[in-house]
């Protein structure tokens, strides 16, 4: 399947692994692909027009991942996670809590992430393009029903339906 991916799309897949590692997640999820796409020139513009920036996505990914601290559980013990985060960052630098959780090695794709890749290929086959590009990957991310991705997009996107429509326009232009 990857032989049909453009160089940019392959870079996104590689960056998705980096995104997962960076926040300490044990597998590559659609939300990591979204994070990688938010950095990618071809798709960052359409995402930014809807309020979806790399920094915003990255912050939400870190707050919702495998290693994310349970804010409610900590609050029930009288711990204010935001205060802890602010103090840790003031002492050790920005992203101190996330850096402590980073991993190494090859990560596997979850089923929903594989579905993103399959949907991107399908969008390419039925569309005018011959190769899977970043726009098709973004269409795949938006098409797959993944609770974490939905949560992140809800937190950072001003209008997910309008974003989907813009991405459809991008995939129709490819070719």
N, C-alpha and C. Protein backbone atom coordinates (compact mmCIF):
# COMPACT_ATOMS: atom_id res chain seq x y z
N UNK A 1 0.82 -1.19 0.00
CA UNK A 1 0.00 0.00 0.00
C UNK A 1 0.87 1.26 0.00
N UNK A 2 2.00 1.26 0.71
CA UNK A 2 2.80 2.48 0.85
C UNK A 2 3.47 2.92 -0.44
N UNK A 3 3.54 2.04 -1.43
CA UNK A 3 4.13 2.46 -2.71
C UNK A 3 3.27 3.52 -3.40
N UNK A 4 2.01 3.63 -3.03
CA UNK A 4 1.11 4.63 -3.61
C UNK A 4 1.16 5.95 -2.84
N UNK A 5 1.93 6.02 -1.76
CA UNK A 5 2.01 7.22 -0.95
C UNK A 5 3.05 8.18 -1.52
N UNK A 6 2.70 9.47 -1.53
CA UNK A 6 3.66 10.49 -1.93
C UNK A 6 4.73 10.60 -0.85
N UNK A 7 5.80 11.28 -1.18
CA UNK A 7 6.87 11.50 -0.20
C UNK A 7 6.31 12.23 1.03
N UNK A 8 5.45 13.22 0.80
CA UNK A 8 4.86 13.97 1.91
C UNK A 8 3.99 13.07 2.79
N UNK A 9 3.22 12.19 2.18
CA UNK A 9 2.36 11.28 2.95
C UNK A 9 3.20 10.30 3.75
N UNK A 10 4.29 9.84 3.18
CA UNK A 10 5.18 8.94 3.93
C UNK A 10 5.79 9.67 5.12
N UNK A 11 6.13 10.94 4.91
CA UNK A 11 6.68 11.74 6.01
C UNK A 11 5.65 11.89 7.13
N UNK A 12 4.39 12.07 6.76
CA UNK A 12 3.33 12.19 7.76
C UNK A 12 3.24 10.90 8.58
N UNK A 13 3.30 9.77 7.94
CA UNK A 13 3.23 8.49 8.65
C UNK A 13 4.41 8.36 9.62
N UNK A 14 5.59 8.75 9.17
CA UNK A 14 6.75 8.73 10.06
C UNK A 14 6.61 9.71 11.21
N UNK A 15 6.10 10.91 10.91
CA UNK A 15 5.90 11.91 11.95
C UNK A 15 4.83 11.48 12.95
N UNK A 16 3.86 10.70 12.51
CA UNK A 16 2.83 10.21 13.43
C UNK A 16 3.47 9.36 14.53
N UNK A 17 4.44 8.56 14.15
CA UNK A 17 5.15 7.76 15.16
C UNK A 17 5.89 8.68 16.13
N UNK A 18 6.51 9.71 15.60
CA UNK A 18 7.20 10.68 16.46
C UNK A 18 6.22 11.35 17.42
N UNK A 19 5.04 11.71 16.91
CA UNK A 19 4.03 12.34 17.76
C UNK A 19 3.61 11.41 18.90
N UNK A 20 3.42 10.14 18.59
CA UNK A 20 3.04 9.18 19.63
C UNK A 20 4.15 9.04 20.67
N UNK A 21 5.39 8.91 20.19
CA UNK A 21 6.52 8.81 21.12
C UNK A 21 6.63 10.05 22.00
N UNK A 22 6.44 11.21 21.41
CA UNK A 22 6.66 12.48 22.11
C UNK A 22 5.75 12.64 23.32
N UNK A 23 4.57 12.05 23.27
CA UNK A 23 3.65 12.17 24.42
C UNK A 23 3.57 10.88 25.24
N UNK A 24 4.39 9.90 24.89
CA UNK A 24 4.44 8.67 25.68
C UNK A 24 3.36 7.66 25.37
N UNK A 25 2.70 7.79 24.22
CA UNK A 25 1.68 6.82 23.84
C UNK A 25 2.35 5.56 23.29
N UNK A 26 1.73 4.42 23.54
CA UNK A 26 2.31 3.14 23.17
C UNK A 26 2.00 2.67 21.76
N UNK A 27 1.05 3.33 21.08
CA UNK A 27 0.68 2.93 19.71
C UNK A 27 0.32 4.18 18.92
N UNK A 28 0.37 4.06 17.61
CA UNK A 28 0.03 5.18 16.73
C UNK A 28 -1.47 5.17 16.51
N UNK A 29 -2.10 6.28 16.87
CA UNK A 29 -3.55 6.43 16.73
C UNK A 29 -3.84 7.50 15.67
N UNK A 30 -5.09 7.57 15.21
CA UNK A 30 -5.44 8.60 14.23
C UNK A 30 -5.09 10.01 14.69
N UNK A 31 -5.18 10.27 15.98
CA UNK A 31 -4.87 11.60 16.50
C UNK A 31 -3.40 11.96 16.27
N UNK A 32 -2.53 10.96 16.26
CA UNK A 32 -1.11 11.23 15.99
C UNK A 32 -0.91 11.58 14.51
N UNK A 33 -1.69 10.94 13.66
CA UNK A 33 -1.65 11.29 12.23
C UNK A 33 -2.14 12.73 12.06
N UNK A 34 -3.19 13.09 12.80
CA UNK A 34 -3.69 14.47 12.76
C UNK A 34 -2.61 15.44 13.20
N UNK A 35 -1.91 15.12 14.26
CA UNK A 35 -0.82 15.98 14.73
C UNK A 35 0.26 16.15 13.67
N UNK A 36 0.62 15.06 13.03
CA UNK A 36 1.63 15.12 11.97
C UNK A 36 1.13 15.95 10.79
N UNK A 37 -0.14 15.81 10.46
CA UNK A 37 -0.73 16.58 9.36
C UNK A 37 -0.79 18.07 9.68
N UNK A 38 -0.97 18.40 10.96
CA UNK A 38 -1.02 19.81 11.35
C UNK A 38 0.33 20.50 11.15
N UNK A 39 1.40 19.71 11.09
CA UNK A 39 2.74 20.26 10.81
C UNK A 39 3.04 20.31 9.32
N UNK A 40 2.32 19.54 8.53
CA UNK A 40 2.60 19.36 7.11
C UNK A 40 2.08 20.53 6.29
N UNK A 41 2.89 21.08 5.43
CA UNK A 41 2.53 22.29 4.68
C UNK A 41 1.25 22.15 3.86
N UNK A 42 1.04 21.04 3.19
CA UNK A 42 -0.12 20.88 2.31
C UNK A 42 -1.44 20.90 3.09
N UNK A 43 -1.42 20.45 4.33
CA UNK A 43 -2.66 20.36 5.10
C UNK A 43 -2.73 21.35 6.26
N UNK A 44 -1.61 21.91 6.67
CA UNK A 44 -1.65 22.81 7.83
C UNK A 44 -2.48 24.05 7.54
N UNK A 45 -2.51 24.51 6.29
CA UNK A 45 -3.30 25.70 5.95
C UNK A 45 -4.78 25.48 6.11
N UNK A 46 -5.29 24.37 5.58
CA UNK A 46 -6.73 24.09 5.71
C UNK A 46 -7.09 23.85 7.17
N UNK A 47 -6.23 23.20 7.90
CA UNK A 47 -6.50 22.97 9.32
C UNK A 47 -6.49 24.29 10.09
N UNK A 48 -5.50 25.13 9.84
CA UNK A 48 -5.39 26.41 10.55
C UNK A 48 -6.59 27.32 10.29
N UNK A 49 -7.13 27.25 9.08
CA UNK A 49 -8.33 28.06 8.78
C UNK A 49 -9.51 27.70 9.67
N UNK A 50 -9.45 26.54 10.27
CA UNK A 50 -10.54 26.08 11.15
C UNK A 50 -10.08 26.03 12.61
N UNK A 51 -8.99 26.71 12.91
CA UNK A 51 -8.52 26.79 14.29
C UNK A 51 -7.66 25.62 14.73
N UNK A 52 -7.35 24.71 13.82
CA UNK A 52 -6.58 23.51 14.17
C UNK A 52 -5.11 23.78 13.87
N UNK A 53 -4.36 24.10 14.92
CA UNK A 53 -2.92 24.34 14.77
C UNK A 53 -2.15 23.18 15.39
N UNK A 54 -0.91 23.05 14.99
CA UNK A 54 -0.08 21.99 15.54
C UNK A 54 0.02 22.10 17.06
N UNK A 55 0.28 23.30 17.56
CA UNK A 55 0.44 23.47 19.00
C UNK A 55 -0.83 23.08 19.77
N UNK A 56 -1.98 23.47 19.24
CA UNK A 56 -3.25 23.14 19.90
C UNK A 56 -3.50 21.64 19.88
N UNK A 57 -3.27 21.02 18.74
CA UNK A 57 -3.46 19.57 18.63
C UNK A 57 -2.50 18.85 19.55
N UNK A 58 -1.25 19.24 19.53
CA UNK A 58 -0.23 18.59 20.35
C UNK A 58 -0.58 18.68 21.84
N UNK A 59 -1.05 19.84 22.28
CA UNK A 59 -1.42 20.00 23.69
C UNK A 59 -2.57 19.07 24.05
N UNK A 60 -3.57 18.96 23.17
CA UNK A 60 -4.71 18.09 23.44
C UNK A 60 -4.31 16.62 23.40
N UNK A 61 -3.43 16.25 22.50
CA UNK A 61 -2.95 14.86 22.44
C UNK A 61 -2.27 14.50 23.76
N UNK A 62 -1.43 15.40 24.24
CA UNK A 62 -0.70 15.13 25.49
C UNK A 62 -1.65 14.99 26.67
N UNK A 63 -2.77 15.69 26.62
CA UNK A 63 -3.71 15.64 27.74
C UNK A 63 -4.65 14.44 27.68
N UNK A 64 -4.66 13.71 26.57
CA UNK A 64 -5.64 12.63 26.43
C UNK A 64 -5.03 11.26 26.19
N UNK A 65 -3.72 11.12 26.25
CA UNK A 65 -3.07 9.88 25.84
C UNK A 65 -2.94 8.81 26.89
N UNK A 66 -2.22 7.75 26.49
CA UNK A 66 -1.97 6.61 27.37
C UNK A 66 -1.40 7.05 28.71
N UNK A 67 -0.50 8.02 28.64
CA UNK A 67 0.20 8.45 29.84
C UNK A 67 -0.42 9.68 30.46
N UNK A 68 -1.54 10.13 29.92
CA UNK A 68 -2.16 11.34 30.46
C UNK A 68 -2.58 11.11 31.90
N UNK A 69 -2.33 12.12 32.69
CA UNK A 69 -2.72 12.01 34.09
C UNK A 69 -4.21 12.25 34.21
N UNK A 70 -4.86 11.51 35.08
CA UNK A 70 -6.30 11.62 35.27
C UNK A 70 -6.60 12.84 36.14
N UNK A 71 -7.02 13.92 35.49
CA UNK A 71 -7.26 15.19 36.16
C UNK A 71 -8.30 15.04 37.25
N UNK A 72 -9.39 14.35 36.96
CA UNK A 72 -10.46 14.20 37.95
C UNK A 72 -10.00 13.39 39.17
N UNK A 73 -9.26 12.33 38.92
CA UNK A 73 -8.78 11.51 40.04
C UNK A 73 -7.82 12.31 40.91
N UNK A 74 -6.94 13.06 40.28
CA UNK A 74 -6.01 13.89 41.05
C UNK A 74 -6.75 14.99 41.81
N UNK A 75 -7.75 15.58 41.18
CA UNK A 75 -8.53 16.64 41.84
C UNK A 75 -9.24 16.11 43.08
N UNK A 76 -9.72 14.86 43.02
CA UNK A 76 -10.39 14.27 44.18
C UNK A 76 -9.43 14.09 45.36
N UNK A 77 -8.14 14.09 45.07
CA UNK A 77 -7.12 14.01 46.12
C UNK A 77 -6.59 15.38 46.51
N UNK A 78 -7.17 16.43 45.90
CA UNK A 78 -6.75 17.79 46.21
C UNK A 78 -5.56 18.27 45.39
N UNK A 79 -5.25 17.56 44.29
CA UNK A 79 -4.12 17.94 43.44
C UNK A 79 -4.65 18.68 42.21
N UNK A 80 -4.16 19.89 42.00
CA UNK A 80 -4.52 20.68 40.83
C UNK A 80 -3.46 20.44 39.76
N UNK A 81 -3.80 19.61 38.77
CA UNK A 81 -2.83 19.22 37.75
C UNK A 81 -2.28 20.41 36.99
N UNK A 82 -3.11 21.39 36.70
CA UNK A 82 -2.62 22.57 35.97
C UNK A 82 -1.58 23.32 36.79
N UNK A 83 -1.79 23.39 38.10
CA UNK A 83 -0.81 24.05 38.97
C UNK A 83 0.50 23.26 38.99
N UNK A 84 0.39 21.93 39.04
CA UNK A 84 1.58 21.07 39.00
C UNK A 84 2.31 21.25 37.67
N UNK A 85 1.54 21.25 36.57
CA UNK A 85 2.14 21.41 35.24
C UNK A 85 2.86 22.76 35.14
N UNK A 86 2.20 23.83 35.60
CA UNK A 86 2.81 25.16 35.54
C UNK A 86 4.10 25.22 36.35
N UNK A 87 4.07 24.63 37.53
CA UNK A 87 5.28 24.65 38.38
C UNK A 87 6.39 23.81 37.77
N UNK A 88 6.04 22.64 37.22
CA UNK A 88 7.05 21.80 36.57
C UNK A 88 7.66 22.51 35.37
N UNK A 89 6.83 23.19 34.59
CA UNK A 89 7.34 23.90 33.42
C UNK A 89 8.17 25.11 33.82
N UNK A 90 7.79 25.78 34.91
CA UNK A 90 8.57 26.92 35.39
C UNK A 90 9.96 26.46 35.86
N UNK A 91 10.00 25.27 36.43
CA UNK A 91 11.26 24.75 36.96
C UNK A 91 12.10 24.04 35.89
N UNK A 92 11.45 23.20 35.08
CA UNK A 92 12.19 22.33 34.16
C UNK A 92 12.01 22.67 32.69
N UNK A 93 11.18 23.65 32.38
CA UNK A 93 10.96 24.05 31.00
C UNK A 93 9.65 23.52 30.46
N UNK A 94 9.21 24.13 29.35
CA UNK A 94 7.94 23.78 28.73
C UNK A 94 7.91 22.30 28.34
N UNK A 95 6.78 21.65 28.63
CA UNK A 95 6.60 20.25 28.26
C UNK A 95 7.31 19.27 29.18
N UNK A 96 7.69 19.70 30.38
CA UNK A 96 8.45 18.85 31.28
C UNK A 96 7.75 17.54 31.61
N UNK A 97 6.44 17.58 31.87
CA UNK A 97 5.72 16.35 32.20
C UNK A 97 5.65 15.42 31.01
N UNK A 98 5.48 15.96 29.81
CA UNK A 98 5.41 15.13 28.61
C UNK A 98 6.76 14.50 28.30
N UNK A 99 7.85 15.25 28.49
CA UNK A 99 9.19 14.71 28.21
C UNK A 99 9.49 13.51 29.08
N UNK A 100 8.98 13.50 30.29
CA UNK A 100 9.25 12.40 31.21
C UNK A 100 8.61 11.10 30.74
N UNK A 101 7.62 11.18 29.86
CA UNK A 101 6.89 9.99 29.43
C UNK A 101 7.30 9.48 28.06
N UNK A 102 8.23 10.13 27.40
CA UNK A 102 8.59 9.74 26.03
C UNK A 102 9.20 8.36 25.96
N UNK A 103 8.90 7.67 24.88
CA UNK A 103 9.42 6.32 24.68
C UNK A 103 10.31 6.24 23.47
N UNK A 104 10.73 5.03 23.17
CA UNK A 104 11.60 4.79 22.01
C UNK A 104 11.12 3.52 21.31
N UNK A 105 11.64 3.32 20.10
CA UNK A 105 11.34 2.10 19.36
C UNK A 105 10.16 2.26 18.43
N UNK A 106 9.94 1.22 17.65
CA UNK A 106 8.88 1.21 16.65
C UNK A 106 7.52 0.98 17.33
N UNK A 107 6.55 1.77 16.93
CA UNK A 107 5.19 1.62 17.46
C UNK A 107 4.28 1.06 16.39
N UNK A 108 3.29 0.30 16.81
CA UNK A 108 2.31 -0.26 15.89
C UNK A 108 1.14 0.69 15.71
N UNK A 109 0.47 0.54 14.57
CA UNK A 109 -0.75 1.29 14.30
C UNK A 109 -1.92 0.59 14.96
N UNK A 110 -2.83 1.36 15.54
CA UNK A 110 -4.07 0.80 16.04
C UNK A 110 -4.98 0.48 14.85
N UNK A 111 -6.04 -0.28 15.09
CA UNK A 111 -7.01 -0.56 14.01
C UNK A 111 -7.56 0.73 13.40
N UNK A 112 -7.98 1.70 14.23
CA UNK A 112 -8.48 2.94 13.62
C UNK A 112 -7.43 3.65 12.76
N UNK A 113 -6.16 3.58 13.15
CA UNK A 113 -5.11 4.21 12.34
C UNK A 113 -4.95 3.48 11.01
N UNK A 114 -5.05 2.17 11.04
CA UNK A 114 -5.00 1.42 9.79
C UNK A 114 -6.20 1.79 8.92
N UNK A 115 -7.34 2.01 9.55
CA UNK A 115 -8.54 2.42 8.80
C UNK A 115 -8.32 3.79 8.15
N UNK A 116 -7.58 4.69 8.82
CA UNK A 116 -7.24 5.99 8.23
C UNK A 116 -6.48 5.78 6.92
N UNK A 117 -5.47 4.90 6.96
CA UNK A 117 -4.67 4.63 5.76
C UNK A 117 -5.51 4.00 4.66
N UNK A 118 -6.38 3.07 5.03
CA UNK A 118 -7.25 2.42 4.05
C UNK A 118 -8.23 3.42 3.44
N UNK A 119 -8.79 4.30 4.27
CA UNK A 119 -9.72 5.29 3.75
C UNK A 119 -9.00 6.27 2.82
N UNK A 120 -7.78 6.64 3.18
CA UNK A 120 -6.98 7.53 2.32
C UNK A 120 -6.75 6.89 0.96
N UNK A 121 -6.47 5.61 0.95
CA UNK A 121 -6.29 4.89 -0.31
C UNK A 121 -7.59 4.86 -1.10
N UNK A 122 -8.69 4.63 -0.43
CA UNK A 122 -10.00 4.60 -1.09
C UNK A 122 -10.33 5.97 -1.71
N UNK A 123 -10.08 7.04 -0.96
CA UNK A 123 -10.32 8.39 -1.47
C UNK A 123 -9.50 8.62 -2.74
N UNK A 124 -8.29 8.09 -2.75
CA UNK A 124 -7.41 8.24 -3.92
C UNK A 124 -7.95 7.46 -5.11
N UNK A 125 -8.37 6.23 -4.87
CA UNK A 125 -8.85 5.37 -5.95
C UNK A 125 -10.11 5.92 -6.60
N UNK A 126 -11.03 6.45 -5.81
CA UNK A 126 -12.27 6.97 -6.37
C UNK A 126 -12.15 8.42 -6.84
N UNK A 127 -11.06 9.08 -6.45
CA UNK A 127 -10.85 10.48 -6.83
C UNK A 127 -9.98 10.59 -8.07
N UNK A 128 -9.56 11.82 -8.37
CA UNK A 128 -8.78 12.05 -9.58
C UNK A 128 -7.30 11.72 -9.44
N UNK A 129 -6.83 11.51 -8.21
CA UNK A 129 -5.40 11.30 -8.01
C UNK A 129 -4.95 9.87 -8.23
N UNK A 130 -3.66 9.73 -8.35
CA UNK A 130 -3.05 8.40 -8.50
C UNK A 130 -2.25 8.01 -7.26
N UNK A 131 -1.95 8.99 -6.41
CA UNK A 131 -1.15 8.73 -5.23
C UNK A 131 -1.87 9.24 -3.99
N UNK A 132 -1.59 8.58 -2.87
CA UNK A 132 -2.12 9.01 -1.58
C UNK A 132 -1.24 10.15 -1.10
N UNK A 133 -1.85 11.31 -0.91
CA UNK A 133 -1.13 12.48 -0.40
C UNK A 133 -1.63 12.85 0.98
N UNK A 134 -1.12 13.97 1.46
CA UNK A 134 -1.50 14.45 2.78
C UNK A 134 -3.00 14.74 2.87
N UNK A 135 -3.56 15.30 1.81
CA UNK A 135 -5.00 15.62 1.84
C UNK A 135 -5.84 14.35 1.99
N UNK A 136 -5.44 13.29 1.32
CA UNK A 136 -6.17 12.03 1.44
C UNK A 136 -6.03 11.45 2.85
N UNK A 137 -4.83 11.59 3.43
CA UNK A 137 -4.65 11.13 4.81
C UNK A 137 -5.54 11.91 5.76
N UNK A 138 -5.63 13.22 5.54
CA UNK A 138 -6.51 14.03 6.38
C UNK A 138 -7.97 13.62 6.21
N UNK A 139 -8.37 13.32 4.98
CA UNK A 139 -9.73 12.83 4.75
C UNK A 139 -9.94 11.52 5.52
N UNK A 140 -8.92 10.68 5.55
CA UNK A 140 -9.00 9.43 6.30
C UNK A 140 -9.15 9.66 7.79
N UNK A 141 -8.39 10.60 8.34
CA UNK A 141 -8.48 10.91 9.76
C UNK A 141 -9.90 11.39 10.10
N UNK A 142 -10.44 12.26 9.24
CA UNK A 142 -11.77 12.82 9.51
C UNK A 142 -12.89 11.80 9.31
N UNK A 143 -12.65 10.77 8.51
CA UNK A 143 -13.68 9.78 8.22
C UNK A 143 -13.78 8.68 9.27
N UNK A 144 -12.69 8.42 9.96
CA UNK A 144 -12.65 7.31 10.92
C UNK A 144 -13.26 7.74 12.25
N UNK A 145 -14.16 6.92 12.75
CA UNK A 145 -14.81 7.20 14.04
C UNK A 145 -13.88 6.78 15.17
N UNK A 146 -13.15 7.75 15.69
CA UNK A 146 -12.20 7.50 16.77
C UNK A 146 -12.48 8.50 17.89
N UNK A 147 -12.86 8.02 19.07
CA UNK A 147 -13.25 8.93 20.16
C UNK A 147 -12.17 9.94 20.54
N UNK A 148 -10.93 9.52 20.58
CA UNK A 148 -9.86 10.44 20.98
C UNK A 148 -9.68 11.55 19.95
N UNK A 149 -9.70 11.19 18.68
CA UNK A 149 -9.57 12.18 17.62
C UNK A 149 -10.76 13.14 17.65
N UNK A 150 -11.94 12.60 17.84
CA UNK A 150 -13.14 13.44 17.93
C UNK A 150 -13.01 14.41 19.10
N UNK A 151 -12.52 13.94 20.22
CA UNK A 151 -12.33 14.80 21.40
C UNK A 151 -11.32 15.91 21.12
N UNK A 152 -10.21 15.57 20.51
CA UNK A 152 -9.18 16.56 20.19
C UNK A 152 -9.72 17.58 19.20
N UNK A 153 -10.38 17.10 18.14
CA UNK A 153 -10.93 18.03 17.15
C UNK A 153 -12.00 18.93 17.77
N UNK A 154 -12.83 18.38 18.62
CA UNK A 154 -13.87 19.19 19.28
C UNK A 154 -13.25 20.30 20.12
N UNK A 155 -12.10 20.03 20.70
CA UNK A 155 -11.44 21.02 21.55
C UNK A 155 -10.74 22.12 20.75
N UNK A 156 -10.30 21.81 19.53
CA UNK A 156 -9.47 22.77 18.80
C UNK A 156 -10.08 23.30 17.51
N UNK A 157 -11.09 22.64 16.97
CA UNK A 157 -11.65 23.01 15.66
C UNK A 157 -12.90 23.86 15.83
N UNK A 158 -12.97 24.97 15.09
CA UNK A 158 -14.13 25.84 15.22
C UNK A 158 -15.38 25.26 14.55
N UNK A 159 -15.22 24.46 13.49
CA UNK A 159 -16.37 23.89 12.79
C UNK A 159 -15.95 22.61 12.06
N UNK A 160 -16.01 21.45 12.73
CA UNK A 160 -15.57 20.20 12.11
C UNK A 160 -16.27 19.89 10.78
N UNK A 161 -17.55 20.22 10.64
CA UNK A 161 -18.27 19.95 9.38
C UNK A 161 -17.69 20.78 8.24
N UNK A 162 -17.38 22.04 8.50
CA UNK A 162 -16.79 22.88 7.48
C UNK A 162 -15.38 22.40 7.13
N UNK A 163 -14.64 21.93 8.13
CA UNK A 163 -13.31 21.37 7.87
C UNK A 163 -13.43 20.17 6.94
N UNK A 164 -14.38 19.28 7.22
CA UNK A 164 -14.57 18.11 6.36
C UNK A 164 -14.88 18.52 4.92
N UNK A 165 -15.71 19.53 4.76
CA UNK A 165 -16.06 20.01 3.41
C UNK A 165 -14.83 20.57 2.71
N UNK A 166 -14.01 21.33 3.41
CA UNK A 166 -12.79 21.87 2.81
C UNK A 166 -11.82 20.75 2.41
N UNK A 167 -11.72 19.74 3.26
CA UNK A 167 -10.82 18.62 2.95
C UNK A 167 -11.32 17.85 1.73
N UNK A 168 -12.64 17.69 1.62
CA UNK A 168 -13.18 17.04 0.43
C UNK A 168 -12.79 17.81 -0.82
N UNK A 169 -12.82 19.15 -0.73
CA UNK A 169 -12.40 19.98 -1.86
C UNK A 169 -10.94 19.75 -2.20
N UNK A 170 -10.10 19.62 -1.19
CA UNK A 170 -8.67 19.35 -1.43
C UNK A 170 -8.46 18.02 -2.14
N UNK A 171 -9.19 16.99 -1.70
CA UNK A 171 -8.99 15.67 -2.30
C UNK A 171 -9.52 15.63 -3.73
N UNK A 172 -10.52 16.45 -4.03
CA UNK A 172 -11.05 16.50 -5.41
C UNK A 172 -10.11 17.23 -6.35
N UNK A 173 -9.26 18.13 -5.79
CA UNK A 173 -8.29 18.87 -6.60
C UNK A 173 -7.10 18.00 -6.95
N UNK A 174 -6.79 17.02 -6.08
CA UNK A 174 -5.58 16.21 -6.28
C UNK A 174 -5.66 15.47 -7.60
N UNK A 175 -4.55 15.41 -8.22
CA UNK A 175 -4.57 14.66 -9.47
C UNK A 175 -3.45 14.93 -10.37
